[in-house]
C-alpha cells in the first residue's frame, strides 16, 4: 500500500509540477495551437506539438452513442457545418446561463459528427478537418506532450443517462493513463469548472491531478477558501483577470500544495501588455504561476 501511495505521488508530481517544484513552467496549448489552426482538430494539436507545447488541451463532449469527442462548446454550430447537413436537428439547449436553439453534440452519433466539416469556419484550407475523438487525440499526442482534458459543461448531460466522470475514467484506463501501469511518457491532468464534478472525481479516487477552473474570483479572496479544496483538487485554473485583481491567490495555492494555471493568453487580446509573450512572462515569472493556457504556444517565454 505504501509503495502504491508513493507511486501516485510521483506520478502527480511529474504530471503537474507541484508547487514545491517551481523551476519548470509549462506551456499548455489552449484547444491546440488555436491561433493558427481550427480549435480542437488534429491539425491544431499537431501544430501545438511542433510549436513546443508541454501539454495539449482537449475539451470533452459526449456523443449520442457515448463516445468522448474533442469540442469546446456542447453544441456543434459554431465550428462546423451542422446547420447545413442537419437543418432540422436543432433543440433548445441551456448552458452557461443561456438558452438557445442549437445542435447539441449529444444528440448526434459519432458517425454523424464525423460527416461534419470542422475546419472551414477558420480557413477554407482546413476543410478536411474533422472533430477528433479523445482516442484519436491521445494517439496523436501521447509520448510527445502531456494531455490536459476538460470535462466540459457536465450540466448539459443531466437527465441524459451520461456519467461523464465514469466515461473519462474508463478512457484513462483504456489508454493506460492512470494507475500502477500508467504510461509515464504521457502526463495527464484533468480540469473542470464544475465543483460537483471535481468532488466526484476526488471521491472516485481518479488517480490523476485535477485542476478546478475559476471564471471569477468571487469567493476566492481568502487563504481559508483555497484550503477548503486542499486534497480535493491539485491545482486552480483562474481566469487571468482574477490574478491581476488578487495576485495573492498564487501564494495561497502554492502554500496549499496546488499549482496555478491561468487562462487564456492570446495574441488577439494581450490587454495592456505589448505582446502576448510579455503578458505570459509577467504571469509566469513575476506573479509566479506554474503554467499558462495559450492560443499561441510558439510565443511561450521559456527560460
C-alpha atoms as a PDB file:
ATOM      1  CA  UNK A   1       0.000   0.000   0.000  1.00  0.00           C
ATOM      2  CA  UNK A   2       2.869   2.370   0.879  1.00  0.00           C
ATOM      3  CA  UNK A   3       4.529   1.676  -2.470  1.00  0.00           C
ATOM      4  CA  UNK A   4       1.256   2.398  -4.267  1.00  0.00           C
ATOM      5  CA  UNK A   5       0.848   5.735  -2.470  1.00  0.00           C
ATOM      6  CA  UNK A   6       4.424   6.731  -3.240  1.00  0.00           C
ATOM      7  CA  UNK A   7       3.925   5.913  -6.910  1.00  0.00           C
ATOM      8  CA  UNK A   8       0.771   8.038  -7.054  1.00  0.00           C
ATOM      9  CA  UNK A   9       2.688  10.967  -5.546  1.00  0.00           C
ATOM     10  CA  UNK A  10       5.499  10.571  -8.074  1.00  0.00           C
ATOM     11  CA  UNK A  11       3.038  10.415 -10.984  1.00  0.00           C
ATOM     12  CA  UNK A  12       1.219  13.514  -9.762  1.00  0.00           C
ATOM     13  CA  UNK A  13       4.430  15.451  -9.256  1.00  0.00           C
ATOM     14  CA  UNK A  14       5.720  14.590 -12.714  1.00  0.00           C
ATOM     15  CA  UNK A  15       2.366  15.423 -14.291  1.00  0.00           C
ATOM     16  CA  UNK A  16       1.645  18.656 -12.546  1.00  0.00           C
ATOM     17  CA  UNK A  17       4.944  20.068 -11.412  1.00  0.00           C
ATOM     18  CA  UNK A  18       3.622  20.556  -7.870  1.00  0.00           C
ATOM     19  CA  UNK A  19       4.003  23.883  -6.151  1.00  0.00           C
ATOM     20  CA  UNK A  20       7.243  22.933  -4.398  1.00  0.00           C
ATOM     21  CA  UNK A  21       8.885  22.258  -7.769  1.00  0.00           C
ATOM     22  CA  UNK A  22       8.621  25.668  -9.353  1.00  0.00           C
ATOM     23  CA  UNK A  23      11.647  25.528 -11.651  1.00  0.00           C
ATOM     24  CA  UNK A  24       9.650  24.169 -14.578  1.00  0.00           C
ATOM     25  CA  UNK A  25       6.996  26.323 -16.230  1.00  0.00           C
ATOM     26  CA  UNK A  26       4.504  24.648 -18.534  1.00  0.00           C
ATOM     27  CA  UNK A  27       3.191  25.719 -21.918  1.00  0.00           C
ATOM     28  CA  UNK A  28      -0.404  24.489 -22.346  1.00  0.00           C
ATOM     29  CA  UNK A  29      -1.775  24.765 -25.887  1.00  0.00           C
ATOM     30  CA  UNK A  30      -5.343  26.012 -25.454  1.00  0.00           C
ATOM     31  CA  UNK A  31      -7.574  23.956 -27.778  1.00  0.00           C
ATOM     32  CA  UNK A  32      -4.313  23.173 -29.597  1.00  0.00           C
ATOM     33  CA  UNK A  33      -2.419  25.911 -31.423  1.00  0.00           C
ATOM     34  CA  UNK A  34      -5.777  27.583 -31.900  1.00  0.00           C
ATOM     35  CA  UNK A  35      -4.440  30.945 -33.058  1.00  0.00           C
ATOM     36  CA  UNK A  36      -3.149  29.257 -36.201  1.00  0.00           C
ATOM     37  CA  UNK A  37      -5.430  26.275 -36.882  1.00  0.00           C
ATOM     38  CA  UNK A  38      -9.075  25.429 -36.137  1.00  0.00           C
ATOM     39  CA  UNK A  39      -9.524  24.640 -32.462  1.00  0.00           C
ATOM     40  CA  UNK A  40      -9.797  21.021 -31.393  1.00  0.00           C
ATOM     41  CA  UNK A  41      -8.708  19.498 -34.671  1.00  0.00           C
ATOM     42  CA  UNK A  42      -5.780  17.169 -35.185  1.00  0.00           C
ATOM     43  CA  UNK A  43      -4.181  19.952 -37.227  1.00  0.00           C
ATOM     44  CA  UNK A  44      -4.263  22.261 -34.188  1.00  0.00           C
ATOM     45  CA  UNK A  45      -2.924  19.553 -31.887  1.00  0.00           C
ATOM     46  CA  UNK A  46      -0.152  18.594 -34.288  1.00  0.00           C
ATOM     47  CA  UNK A  47       0.924  22.218 -34.692  1.00  0.00           C
ATOM     48  CA  UNK A  48       0.912  22.743 -30.915  1.00  0.00           C
ATOM     49  CA  UNK A  49       3.389  19.903 -30.513  1.00  0.00           C
ATOM     50  CA  UNK A  50       5.559  21.326 -33.291  1.00  0.00           C
ATOM     51  CA  UNK A  51       5.497  24.708 -31.529  1.00  0.00           C
ATOM     52  CA  UNK A  52       6.819  23.211 -28.301  1.00  0.00           C
ATOM     53  CA  UNK A  53       3.708  22.794 -26.143  1.00  0.00           C
ATOM     54  CA  UNK A  54       4.287  20.826 -22.952  1.00  0.00           C
ATOM     55  CA  UNK A  55       0.584  19.972 -22.777  1.00  0.00           C
ATOM     56  CA  UNK A  56      -2.204  19.993 -25.351  1.00  0.00           C
ATOM     57  CA  UNK A  57      -5.688  20.777 -24.063  1.00  0.00           C
ATOM     58  CA  UNK A  58      -8.849  18.938 -25.065  1.00  0.00           C
ATOM     59  CA  UNK A  59     -12.377  19.991 -24.146  1.00  0.00           C
ATOM     60  CA  UNK A  60     -14.506  16.866 -23.927  1.00  0.00           C
ATOM     61  CA  UNK A  61     -18.080  16.304 -25.051  1.00  0.00           C
ATOM     62  CA  UNK A  62     -20.108  13.093 -25.317  1.00  0.00           C
ATOM     63  CA  UNK A  63     -21.862  11.829 -28.450  1.00  0.00           C
ATOM     64  CA  UNK A  64     -25.286  10.177 -28.528  1.00  0.00           C
ATOM     65  CA  UNK A  65     -23.586   6.784 -28.639  1.00  0.00           C
ATOM     66  CA  UNK A  66     -21.352   7.541 -25.656  1.00  0.00           C
ATOM     67  CA  UNK A  67     -18.076   8.452 -27.364  1.00  0.00           C
ATOM     68  CA  UNK A  68     -15.807  11.170 -25.978  1.00  0.00           C
ATOM     69  CA  UNK A  69     -15.011  13.802 -28.599  1.00  0.00           C
ATOM     70  CA  UNK A  70     -12.922  16.979 -28.501  1.00  0.00           C
ATOM     71  CA  UNK A  71     -15.195  20.017 -28.745  1.00  0.00           C
ATOM     72  CA  UNK A  72     -15.239  23.285 -26.806  1.00  0.00           C
ATOM     73  CA  UNK A  73     -18.954  24.042 -26.968  1.00  0.00           C
ATOM     74  CA  UNK A  74     -21.520  21.365 -26.112  1.00  0.00           C
ATOM     75  CA  UNK A  75     -23.117  22.400 -29.410  1.00  0.00           C
ATOM     76  CA  UNK A  76     -21.851  21.986 -32.956  1.00  0.00           C
ATOM     77  CA  UNK A  77     -22.917  25.039 -34.951  1.00  0.00           C
ATOM     78  CA  UNK A  78     -20.097  27.477 -34.112  1.00  0.00           C
ATOM     79  CA  UNK A  79     -17.283  25.355 -35.529  1.00  0.00           C
ATOM     80  CA  UNK A  80     -18.962  23.038 -38.054  1.00  0.00           C
ATOM     81  CA  UNK A  81     -21.464  22.986 -40.919  1.00  0.00           C
ATOM     82  CA  UNK A  82     -24.048  21.057 -38.892  1.00  0.00           C
ATOM     83  CA  UNK A  83     -26.793  23.563 -39.763  1.00  0.00           C
ATOM     84  CA  UNK A  84     -26.373  22.773 -43.456  1.00  0.00           C
ATOM     85  CA  UNK A  85     -26.155  18.996 -43.090  1.00  0.00           C
ATOM     86  CA  UNK A  86     -28.785  18.553 -40.374  1.00  0.00           C
ATOM     87  CA  UNK A  87     -31.061  21.630 -40.542  1.00  0.00           C
ATOM     88  CA  UNK A  88     -33.954  20.007 -38.672  1.00  0.00           C
ATOM     89  CA  UNK A  89     -31.974  18.543 -35.764  1.00  0.00           C
ATOM     90  CA  UNK A  90     -31.721  21.610 -33.509  1.00  0.00           C
ATOM     91  CA  UNK A  91     -33.157  21.714 -29.986  1.00  0.00           C
ATOM     92  CA  UNK A  92     -33.376  24.201 -27.146  1.00  0.00           C
ATOM     93  CA  UNK A  93     -30.160  23.940 -25.140  1.00  0.00           C
ATOM     94  CA  UNK A  94     -29.286  25.622 -21.838  1.00  0.00           C
ATOM     95  CA  UNK A  95     -25.658  26.096 -20.832  1.00  0.00           C
ATOM     96  CA  UNK A  96     -23.575  28.782 -19.134  1.00  0.00           C
ATOM     97  CA  UNK A  97     -26.733  30.660 -18.215  1.00  0.00           C
ATOM     98  CA  UNK A  98     -28.067  30.871 -21.776  1.00  0.00           C
ATOM     99  CA  UNK A  99     -30.855  29.039 -23.575  1.00  0.00           C
ATOM    100  CA  UNK A 100     -30.584  28.911 -27.357  1.00  0.00           C
ATOM    101  CA  UNK A 101     -31.750  26.801 -30.282  1.00  0.00           C
ATOM    102  CA  UNK A 102     -28.666  24.765 -31.045  1.00  0.00           C
ATOM    103  CA  UNK A 103     -27.339  21.464 -32.351  1.00  0.00           C
ATOM    104  CA  UNK A 104     -26.270  19.590 -29.221  1.00  0.00           C
ATOM    105  CA  UNK A 105     -23.403  17.171 -29.817  1.00  0.00           C
ATOM    106  CA  UNK A 106     -25.063  14.654 -27.504  1.00  0.00           C
ATOM    107  CA  UNK A 107     -27.966  14.392 -29.971  1.00  0.00           C
ATOM    108  CA  UNK A 108     -25.660  13.085 -32.733  1.00  0.00           C
ATOM    109  CA  UNK A 109     -23.861   9.780 -33.164  1.00  0.00           C
ATOM    110  CA  UNK A 110     -20.147   9.697 -33.815  1.00  0.00           C
ATOM    111  CA  UNK A 111     -20.800   8.618 -37.409  1.00  0.00           C
ATOM    112  CA  UNK A 112     -22.948  11.717 -37.943  1.00  0.00           C
ATOM    113  CA  UNK A 113     -20.409  14.008 -36.301  1.00  0.00           C
ATOM    114  CA  UNK A 114     -17.635  12.604 -38.485  1.00  0.00           C
ATOM    115  CA  UNK A 115     -19.552  13.870 -41.538  1.00  0.00           C
ATOM    116  CA  UNK A 116     -19.097  17.468 -40.385  1.00  0.00           C
ATOM    117  CA  UNK A 117     -16.517  19.935 -41.667  1.00  0.00           C
ATOM    118  CA  UNK A 118     -14.716  21.260 -38.574  1.00  0.00           C
ATOM    119  CA  UNK A 119     -12.151  23.427 -40.339  1.00  0.00           C
ATOM    120  CA  UNK A 120     -13.665  25.697 -42.989  1.00  0.00           C
ATOM    121  CA  UNK A 121     -15.103  28.158 -40.433  1.00  0.00           C
ATOM    122  CA  UNK A 122     -11.484  29.006 -39.573  1.00  0.00           C
ATOM    123  CA  UNK A 123      -9.949  28.875 -43.051  1.00  0.00           C
ATOM    124  CA  UNK A 124     -11.037  27.006 -46.216  1.00  0.00           C
ATOM    125  CA  UNK A 125      -7.651  25.292 -46.376  1.00  0.00           C
ATOM    126  CA  UNK A 126      -8.720  23.262 -43.313  1.00  0.00           C
ATOM    127  CA  UNK A 127     -11.913  21.965 -44.944  1.00  0.00           C
ATOM    128  CA  UNK A 128     -10.898  18.329 -44.474  1.00  0.00           C
ATOM    129  CA  UNK A 129     -10.525  18.608 -40.700  1.00  0.00           C
ATOM    130  CA  UNK A 130     -12.932  16.595 -38.565  1.00  0.00           C
ATOM    131  CA  UNK A 131     -13.897  16.691 -34.900  1.00  0.00           C
ATOM    132  CA  UNK A 132     -11.496  14.202 -33.318  1.00  0.00           C
ATOM    133  CA  UNK A 133     -12.400  11.607 -30.752  1.00  0.00           C
ATOM    134  CA  UNK A 134     -10.479  11.643 -27.497  1.00  0.00           C
ATOM    135  CA  UNK A 135      -8.971   8.326 -28.607  1.00  0.00           C
ATOM    136  CA  UNK A 136      -7.611   9.995 -31.741  1.00  0.00           C
ATOM    137  CA  UNK A 137      -6.234  12.905 -29.730  1.00  0.00           C
ATOM    138  CA  UNK A 138      -4.434  10.588 -27.323  1.00  0.00           C
ATOM    139  CA  UNK A 139      -2.972   8.560 -30.197  1.00  0.00           C
ATOM    140  CA  UNK A 140      -1.546  11.720 -31.766  1.00  0.00           C
ATOM    141  CA  UNK A 141      -0.222  13.377 -28.601  1.00  0.00           C
ATOM    142  CA  UNK A 142       0.968  10.574 -26.338  1.00  0.00           C
ATOM    143  CA  UNK A 143       4.721  10.436 -25.854  1.00  0.00           C
ATOM    144  CA  UNK A 144       5.101  13.854 -27.488  1.00  0.00           C
ATOM    145  CA  UNK A 145       3.324  16.111 -24.971  1.00  0.00           C
ATOM    146  CA  UNK A 146       1.059  15.918 -21.963  1.00  0.00           C
ATOM    147  CA  UNK A 147      -2.723  15.679 -22.182  1.00  0.00           C
ATOM    148  CA  UNK A 148      -4.957  18.228 -20.398  1.00  0.00           C
ATOM    149  CA  UNK A 149      -8.646  17.340 -20.951  1.00  0.00           C
ATOM    150  CA  UNK A 150     -11.530  19.344 -19.516  1.00  0.00           C
ATOM    151  CA  UNK A 151     -14.841  17.792 -18.525  1.00  0.00           C
ATOM    152  CA  UNK A 152     -16.818  20.446 -20.343  1.00  0.00           C
ATOM    153  CA  UNK A 153     -20.293  21.650 -19.286  1.00  0.00           C
ATOM    154  CA  UNK A 154     -21.331  18.493 -17.397  1.00  0.00           C
ATOM    155  CA  UNK A 155     -24.648  20.174 -16.619  1.00  0.00           C
ATOM    156  CA  UNK A 156     -25.912  19.636 -20.181  1.00  0.00           C
ATOM    157  CA  UNK A 157     -25.946  15.866 -19.598  1.00  0.00           C
ATOM    158  CA  UNK A 158     -28.307  15.972 -16.618  1.00  0.00           C
ATOM    159  CA  UNK A 159     -31.174  13.570 -17.305  1.00  0.00           C
ATOM    160  CA  UNK A 160     -29.444  12.155 -20.385  1.00  0.00           C
ATOM    161  CA  UNK A 161     -28.079   8.953 -18.840  1.00  0.00           C
ATOM    162  CA  UNK A 162     -24.491  10.169 -19.224  1.00  0.00           C
ATOM    163  CA  UNK A 163     -21.995   9.563 -16.409  1.00  0.00           C
ATOM    164  CA  UNK A 164     -19.323  11.946 -17.654  1.00  0.00           C
ATOM    165  CA  UNK A 165     -16.743  11.259 -14.946  1.00  0.00           C
ATOM    166  CA  UNK A 166     -17.031   7.491 -15.321  1.00  0.00           C
ATOM    167  CA  UNK A 167     -16.615   7.765 -19.097  1.00  0.00           C
ATOM    168  CA  UNK A 168     -13.443   9.790 -18.599  1.00  0.00           C
ATOM    169  CA  UNK A 169     -12.094   7.338 -16.028  1.00  0.00           C
ATOM    170  CA  UNK A 170     -12.726   4.460 -18.443  1.00  0.00           C
ATOM    171  CA  UNK A 171     -10.877   6.330 -21.193  1.00  0.00           C
ATOM    172  CA  UNK A 172      -7.872   6.871 -18.910  1.00  0.00           C
ATOM    173  CA  UNK A 173      -7.834   3.161 -18.128  1.00  0.00           C
ATOM    174  CA  UNK A 174      -8.176   2.227 -21.797  1.00  0.00           C
ATOM    175  CA  UNK A 175      -5.118   4.304 -22.667  1.00  0.00           C
ATOM    176  CA  UNK A 176      -3.148   3.375 -19.526  1.00  0.00           C
ATOM    177  CA  UNK A 177      -3.019   6.978 -18.376  1.00  0.00           C
ATOM    178  CA  UNK A 178      -3.549   6.262 -14.673  1.00  0.00           C
ATOM    179  CA  UNK A 179      -2.744   3.623 -12.097  1.00  0.00           C
ATOM    180  CA  UNK A 180       0.283   1.452 -11.489  1.00  0.00           C
ATOM    181  CA  UNK A 181       0.697   0.607 -15.173  1.00  0.00           C
ATOM    182  CA  UNK A 182       0.356   4.196 -16.375  1.00  0.00           C
ATOM    183  CA  UNK A 183       2.297   5.365 -19.409  1.00  0.00           C
ATOM    184  CA  UNK A 184       4.957   7.519 -17.753  1.00  0.00           C
ATOM    185  CA  UNK A 185       5.839   9.186 -21.074  1.00  0.00           C
ATOM    186  CA  UNK A 186       2.487  10.991 -21.178  1.00  0.00           C
ATOM    187  CA  UNK A 187       1.467  13.250 -18.296  1.00  0.00           C
ATOM    188  CA  UNK A 188      -2.262  13.802 -17.781  1.00  0.00           C
ATOM    189  CA  UNK A 189      -4.137  16.485 -15.865  1.00  0.00           C
ATOM    190  CA  UNK A 190      -7.926  16.809 -15.736  1.00  0.00           C
ATOM    191  CA  UNK A 191      -9.747  20.134 -15.406  1.00  0.00           C
ATOM    192  CA  UNK A 192     -13.294  21.288 -14.776  1.00  0.00           C
ATOM    193  CA  UNK A 193     -15.271  24.403 -13.881  1.00  0.00           C
ATOM    194  CA  UNK A 194     -17.779  22.227 -12.018  1.00  0.00           C
ATOM    195  CA  UNK A 195     -17.231  21.955  -8.277  1.00  0.00           C
ATOM    196  CA  UNK A 196     -19.604  18.985  -8.269  1.00  0.00           C
ATOM    197  CA  UNK A 197     -17.563  17.229 -10.931  1.00  0.00           C
ATOM    198  CA  UNK A 198     -14.280  17.964  -9.126  1.00  0.00           C
ATOM    199  CA  UNK A 199     -15.643  16.496  -5.903  1.00  0.00           C
ATOM    200  CA  UNK A 200     -16.901  13.424  -7.744  1.00  0.00           C
ATOM    201  CA  UNK A 201     -13.502  12.839  -9.357  1.00  0.00           C
ATOM    202  CA  UNK A 202     -11.906  13.080  -5.923  1.00  0.00           C
ATOM    203  CA  UNK A 203     -14.426  10.655  -4.416  1.00  0.00           C
ATOM    204  CA  UNK A 204     -13.748   8.244  -7.291  1.00  0.00           C
ATOM    205  CA  UNK A 205     -10.031   8.396  -6.468  1.00  0.00           C
ATOM    206  CA  UNK A 206      -9.382   9.264 -10.099  1.00  0.00           C
ATOM    207  CA  UNK A 207      -5.632   8.987  -9.510  1.00  0.00           C
ATOM    208  CA  UNK A 208      -4.500  11.898 -11.689  1.00  0.00           C
ATOM    209  CA  UNK A 209      -4.230  15.616 -10.863  1.00  0.00           C
ATOM    210  CA  UNK A 210      -7.404  17.693 -11.168  1.00  0.00           C
ATOM    211  CA  UNK A 211      -7.489  21.460 -11.715  1.00  0.00           C
ATOM    212  CA  UNK A 212     -10.549  23.454 -10.633  1.00  0.00           C
ATOM    213  CA  UNK A 213     -11.181  26.280 -13.110  1.00  0.00           C
ATOM    214  CA  UNK A 214     -12.388  29.659 -11.834  1.00  0.00           C
ATOM    215  CA  UNK A 215     -14.264  32.048 -14.093  1.00  0.00           C
ATOM    216  CA  UNK A 216     -14.249  34.780 -11.422  1.00  0.00           C
ATOM    217  CA  UNK A 217     -12.514  35.432  -8.132  1.00  0.00           C
ATOM    218  CA  UNK A 218     -15.789  35.716  -6.248  1.00  0.00           C
ATOM    219  CA  UNK A 219     -15.497  33.776  -3.014  1.00  0.00           C
ATOM    220  CA  UNK A 220     -11.785  33.099  -3.517  1.00  0.00           C
ATOM    221  CA  UNK A 221     -10.461  36.078  -1.575  1.00  0.00           C
ATOM    222  CA  UNK A 222      -9.016  34.227   1.430  1.00  0.00           C
ATOM    223  CA  UNK A 223      -6.425  31.530   2.031  1.00  0.00           C
ATOM    224  CA  UNK A 224      -9.058  29.652   4.022  1.00  0.00           C
ATOM    225  CA  UNK A 225     -11.214  29.294   0.908  1.00  0.00           C
ATOM    226  CA  UNK A 226      -8.287  27.802  -1.017  1.00  0.00           C
ATOM    227  CA  UNK A 227      -7.522  25.426   1.843  1.00  0.00           C
ATOM    228  CA  UNK A 228     -11.077  24.073   1.693  1.00  0.00           C
ATOM    229  CA  UNK A 229     -10.073  22.445  -1.599  1.00  0.00           C
ATOM    230  CA  UNK A 230      -6.777  21.028  -0.404  1.00  0.00           C
ATOM    231  CA  UNK A 231      -6.774  17.296  -1.072  1.00  0.00           C
ATOM    232  CA  UNK A 232      -9.774  17.552  -3.397  1.00  0.00           C
ATOM    233  CA  UNK A 233      -8.017  19.220  -6.324  1.00  0.00           C
ATOM    234  CA  UNK A 234      -4.331  19.618  -7.052  1.00  0.00           C
ATOM    235  CA  UNK A 235      -4.490  22.938  -8.862  1.00  0.00           C
ATOM    236  CA  UNK A 236      -6.502  26.056  -9.650  1.00  0.00           C
ATOM    237  CA  UNK A 237      -7.097  27.446 -13.140  1.00  0.00           C
ATOM    238  CA  UNK A 238      -8.344  31.016 -12.732  1.00  0.00           C
ATOM    239  CA  UNK A 239      -9.260  33.498 -15.417  1.00  0.00           C
ATOM    240  CA  UNK A 240      -6.121  35.615 -15.718  1.00  0.00           C
ATOM    241  CA  UNK A 241      -8.049  38.707 -14.611  1.00  0.00           C
ATOM    242  CA  UNK A 242      -8.588  37.053 -11.215  1.00  0.00           C
ATOM    243  CA  UNK A 243      -4.836  37.100 -10.589  1.00  0.00           C
ATOM    244  CA  UNK A 244      -4.460  40.706 -11.674  1.00  0.00           C
ATOM    245  CA  UNK A 245      -7.101  41.600  -9.083  1.00  0.00           C
ATOM    246  CA  UNK A 246      -5.726  39.264  -6.409  1.00  0.00           C
ATOM    247  CA  UNK A 247      -2.155  38.058  -7.037  1.00  0.00           C
ATOM    248  CA  UNK A 248      -2.043  36.553  -3.528  1.00  0.00           C
ATOM    249  CA  UNK A 249      -4.140  33.664  -4.835  1.00  0.00           C
ATOM    250  CA  UNK A 250      -0.908  32.241  -6.270  1.00  0.00           C
ATOM    251  CA  UNK A 251       0.746  32.368  -2.849  1.00  0.00           C
ATOM    252  CA  UNK A 252      -2.239  30.755  -1.148  1.00  0.00           C
ATOM    253  CA  UNK A 253      -2.499  27.982  -3.719  1.00  0.00           C
ATOM    254  CA  UNK A 254       1.201  27.173  -3.511  1.00  0.00           C
ATOM    255  CA  UNK A 255       1.020  27.091   0.288  1.00  0.00           C
ATOM    256  CA  UNK A 256      -1.777  24.523  -0.067  1.00  0.00           C
ATOM    257  CA  UNK A 257       0.345  22.418  -2.441  1.00  0.00           C
ATOM    258  CA  UNK A 258      -1.630  23.428  -5.519  1.00  0.00           C
ATOM    259  CA  UNK A 259      -0.473  24.698  -8.876  1.00  0.00           C
ATOM    260  CA  UNK A 260      -1.907  27.743 -10.642  1.00  0.00           C
ATOM    261  CA  UNK A 261      -2.631  27.717 -14.390  1.00  0.00           C
ATOM    262  CA  UNK A 262      -4.452  30.858 -15.584  1.00  0.00           C
ATOM    263  CA  UNK A 263      -6.293  31.226 -18.881  1.00  0.00           C
ATOM    264  CA  UNK A 264      -6.346  32.386 -21.694  1.00  0.00           C
ATOM    265  CA  UNK A 265      -3.306  34.074 -23.237  1.00  0.00           C
ATOM    266  CA  UNK A 266      -3.743  35.018 -26.881  1.00  0.00           C
ATOM    267  CA  UNK A 267      -2.124  37.447 -29.283  1.00  0.00           C
ATOM    268  CA  UNK A 268      -5.569  38.780 -30.176  1.00  0.00           C
ATOM    269  CA  UNK A 269      -6.041  40.061 -26.616  1.00  0.00           C
ATOM    270  CA  UNK A 270      -2.944  40.780 -24.538  1.00  0.00           C
ATOM    271  CA  UNK A 271      -4.582  43.592 -22.590  1.00  0.00           C
ATOM    272  CA  UNK A 272      -2.208  46.361 -21.540  1.00  0.00           C
ATOM    273  CA  UNK A 273       0.866  44.288 -22.333  1.00  0.00           C
ATOM    274  CA  UNK A 274       2.824  44.987 -25.540  1.00  0.00           C
ATOM    275  CA  UNK A 275       2.583  41.348 -26.655  1.00  0.00           C
ATOM    276  CA  UNK A 276       1.201  38.011 -25.558  1.00  0.00           C
ATOM    277  CA  UNK A 277       4.771  36.887 -24.860  1.00  0.00           C
ATOM    278  CA  UNK A 278       5.272  39.805 -22.463  1.00  0.00           C
ATOM    279  CA  UNK A 279       1.936  39.061 -20.812  1.00  0.00           C
ATOM    280  CA  UNK A 280       2.800  35.399 -20.250  1.00  0.00           C
ATOM    281  CA  UNK A 281       6.230  36.387 -18.961  1.00  0.00           C
ATOM    282  CA  UNK A 282       4.659  38.635 -16.321  1.00  0.00           C
ATOM    283  CA  UNK A 283       2.334  35.910 -15.091  1.00  0.00           C
ATOM    284  CA  UNK A 284       4.967  33.174 -15.109  1.00  0.00           C
ATOM    285  CA  UNK A 285       7.969  34.987 -13.670  1.00  0.00           C
ATOM    286  CA  UNK A 286       6.543  37.938 -11.734  1.00  0.00           C
ATOM    287  CA  UNK A 287       3.293  36.528 -10.374  1.00  0.00           C
ATOM    288  CA  UNK A 288       4.809  33.038 -10.214  1.00  0.00           C
ATOM    289  CA  UNK A 289       2.149  30.880 -11.857  1.00  0.00           C
ATOM    290  CA  UNK A 290       3.135  27.365 -12.868  1.00  0.00           C
ATOM    291  CA  UNK A 291       1.685  27.200 -16.371  1.00  0.00           C
ATOM    292  CA  UNK A 292      -0.498  29.133 -18.794  1.00  0.00           C
ATOM    293  CA  UNK A 293      -3.210  28.205 -21.254  1.00  0.00           C
ATOM    294  CA  UNK A 294      -2.347  29.915 -24.537  1.00  0.00           C
ATOM    295  CA  UNK A 295      -3.628  30.017 -28.112  1.00  0.00           C
ATOM    296  CA  UNK A 296      -0.054  30.897 -29.127  1.00  0.00           C
ATOM    297  CA  UNK A 297       2.252  28.156 -27.833  1.00  0.00           C
ATOM    298  CA  UNK A 298       5.019  29.408 -30.117  1.00  0.00           C
ATOM    299  CA  UNK A 299       5.139  32.634 -28.075  1.00  0.00           C
ATOM    300  CA  UNK A 300       5.750  30.926 -24.732  1.00  0.00           C
ATOM    301  CA  UNK A 301       8.636  32.721 -22.926  1.00  0.00           C
ATOM    302  CA  UNK A 302      10.638  29.737 -21.762  1.00  0.00           C
ATOM    303  CA  UNK A 303      13.682  30.374 -19.572  1.00  0.00           C
END
